[in-house]
Amino acid sequence: MDQEEPKNQKNQQLTDYGKFSSMAFQMGGIIALGVWGGIELDKYFPISKFPVFTISLSLLSVFASIYFVIKDLLKK
């Protein structure tokens, strides 16, 4: 009985590590996709020398990734 309790605790720790590392990859993917989309839109619509789409979409993707992380953390 005593051996099962530490084993369950270790499994829970591994589950938590997996959950948090997947959140980090999700954040990175969302931000990278937003920056890439902004760069492509700036190439397609050359409004000015200032990269409007890149900056706006990168900020939007940062806020979106923070939203998804908070949503996942509160789901527990």
C-alpha atoms as a PDB file:
ATOM      1  CA  MET A   1       0.000   0.000   0.000  1.00  0.00           C
ATOM      2  CA  ASP A   2       2.857   2.386   0.796  1.00  0.00           C
ATOM      3  CA  GLN A   3       4.523   1.710  -2.557  1.00  0.00           C
ATOM      4  CA  GLU A   4       1.425   2.716  -4.513  1.00  0.00           C
ATOM      5  CA  GLU A   5       1.161   6.175  -2.975  1.00  0.00           C
ATOM      6  CA  PRO A   6       4.628   7.407  -4.078  1.00  0.00           C
ATOM      7  CA  LYS A   7       4.079   5.808  -7.487  1.00  0.00           C
ATOM      8  CA  ASN A   8       0.778   7.683  -7.917  1.00  0.00           C
ATOM      9  CA  GLN A   9       2.459  10.905  -6.818  1.00  0.00           C
ATOM     10  CA  LYS A  10       5.250  10.371  -9.350  1.00  0.00           C
ATOM     11  CA  ASN A  11       2.712   9.676 -12.095  1.00  0.00           C
ATOM     12  CA  GLN A  12       0.854  12.877 -11.171  1.00  0.00           C
ATOM     13  CA  GLN A  13       4.092  14.860 -11.375  1.00  0.00           C
ATOM     14  CA  LEU A  14       4.822  13.429 -14.816  1.00  0.00           C
ATOM     15  CA  THR A  15       1.289  14.279 -15.911  1.00  0.00           C
ATOM     16  CA  ASP A  16       1.729  17.855 -14.676  1.00  0.00           C
ATOM     17  CA  TYR A  17       5.060  18.197 -16.489  1.00  0.00           C
ATOM     18  CA  GLY A  18       3.462  16.973 -19.691  1.00  0.00           C
ATOM     19  CA  LYS A  19       0.538  19.360 -19.311  1.00  0.00           C
ATOM     20  CA  PHE A  20       2.744  22.384 -18.707  1.00  0.00           C
ATOM     21  CA  SER A  21       5.193  21.536 -21.461  1.00  0.00           C
ATOM     22  CA  SER A  22       2.335  21.146 -23.926  1.00  0.00           C
ATOM     23  CA  MET A  23       1.078  24.584 -22.859  1.00  0.00           C
ATOM     24  CA  ALA A  24       4.513  26.033 -23.636  1.00  0.00           C
ATOM     25  CA  PHE A  25       4.535  24.454 -27.103  1.00  0.00           C
ATOM     26  CA  GLN A  26       0.993  25.700 -27.683  1.00  0.00           C
ATOM     27  CA  MET A  27       2.014  29.248 -26.719  1.00  0.00           C
ATOM     28  CA  GLY A  28       5.037  29.110 -29.002  1.00  0.00           C
ATOM     29  CA  GLY A  29       2.987  27.807 -31.897  1.00  0.00           C
ATOM     30  CA  ILE A  30       0.296  30.456 -31.553  1.00  0.00           C
ATOM     31  CA  ILE A  31       2.841  33.270 -31.336  1.00  0.00           C
ATOM     32  CA  ALA A  32       4.904  31.929 -34.243  1.00  0.00           C
ATOM     33  CA  LEU A  33       1.796  31.593 -36.398  1.00  0.00           C
ATOM     34  CA  GLY A  34       0.748  35.163 -35.583  1.00  0.00           C
ATOM     35  CA  VAL A  35       4.174  36.586 -36.401  1.00  0.00           C
ATOM     36  CA  TRP A  36       4.405  34.597 -39.629  1.00  0.00           C
ATOM     37  CA  GLY A  37       0.913  35.732 -40.655  1.00  0.00           C
ATOM     38  CA  GLY A  38       1.806  39.345 -39.923  1.00  0.00           C
ATOM     39  CA  ILE A  39       4.981  39.141 -41.983  1.00  0.00           C
ATOM     40  CA  GLU A  40       3.115  37.616 -44.903  1.00  0.00           C
ATOM     41  CA  LEU A  41       0.389  40.269 -44.723  1.00  0.00           C
ATOM     42  CA  ASP A  42       3.013  43.020 -44.649  1.00  0.00           C
ATOM     43  CA  LYS A  43       4.558  41.536 -47.789  1.00  0.00           C
ATOM     44  CA  TYR A  44       1.171  41.275 -49.536  1.00  0.00           C
ATOM     45  CA  PHE A  45      -0.139  44.704 -48.450  1.00  0.00           C
ATOM     46  CA  PRO A  46       2.822  47.099 -48.380  1.00  0.00           C
ATOM     47  CA  ILE A  47       0.959  49.962 -46.656  1.00  0.00           C
ATOM     48  CA  SER A  48       4.058  51.664 -45.258  1.00  0.00           C
ATOM     49  CA  LYS A  49       7.629  50.970 -44.222  1.00  0.00           C
ATOM     50  CA  PHE A  50       6.325  50.342 -40.709  1.00  0.00           C
ATOM     51  CA  PRO A  51       5.325  46.654 -40.244  1.00  0.00           C
ATOM     52  CA  VAL A  52       1.771  47.268 -39.026  1.00  0.00           C
ATOM     53  CA  PHE A  53       0.442  43.746 -39.514  1.00  0.00           C
ATOM     54  CA  THR A  54       3.464  42.048 -37.988  1.00  0.00           C
ATOM     55  CA  ILE A  55       3.320  44.072 -34.793  1.00  0.00           C
ATOM     56  CA  SER A  56      -0.455  43.922 -34.428  1.00  0.00           C
ATOM     57  CA  LEU A  57      -0.767  40.193 -35.124  1.00  0.00           C
ATOM     58  CA  SER A  58       2.182  39.327 -32.891  1.00  0.00           C
ATOM     59  CA  LEU A  59       0.643  41.258 -29.986  1.00  0.00           C
ATOM     60  CA  LEU A  60      -2.741  39.697 -30.663  1.00  0.00           C
ATOM     61  CA  SER A  61      -1.212  36.221 -30.716  1.00  0.00           C
ATOM     62  CA  VAL A  62       0.597  36.847 -27.403  1.00  0.00           C
ATOM     63  CA  PHE A  63      -2.681  37.864 -25.774  1.00  0.00           C
ATOM     64  CA  ALA A  64      -4.456  34.880 -27.331  1.00  0.00           C
ATOM     65  CA  SER A  65      -1.824  32.447 -26.050  1.00  0.00           C
ATOM     66  CA  ILE A  66      -2.037  33.934 -22.546  1.00  0.00           C
ATOM     67  CA  TYR A  67      -5.829  33.573 -22.699  1.00  0.00           C
ATOM     68  CA  PHE A  68      -5.588  29.898 -23.649  1.00  0.00           C
ATOM     69  CA  VAL A  69      -3.065  29.183 -20.887  1.00  0.00           C
ATOM     70  CA  ILE A  70      -5.234  30.843 -18.251  1.00  0.00           C
ATOM     71  CA  LYS A  71      -8.281  28.986 -19.571  1.00  0.00           C
ATOM     72  CA  ASP A  72      -6.420  25.671 -19.335  1.00  0.00           C
ATOM     73  CA  LEU A  73      -5.159  26.413 -15.831  1.00  0.00           C
ATOM     74  CA  LEU A  74      -8.603  27.323 -14.528  1.00  0.00           C
ATOM     75  CA  LYS A  75     -10.156  24.211 -16.097  1.00  0.00           C
ATOM     76  CA  LYS A  76      -8.559  22.023 -13.421  1.00  0.00           C
END
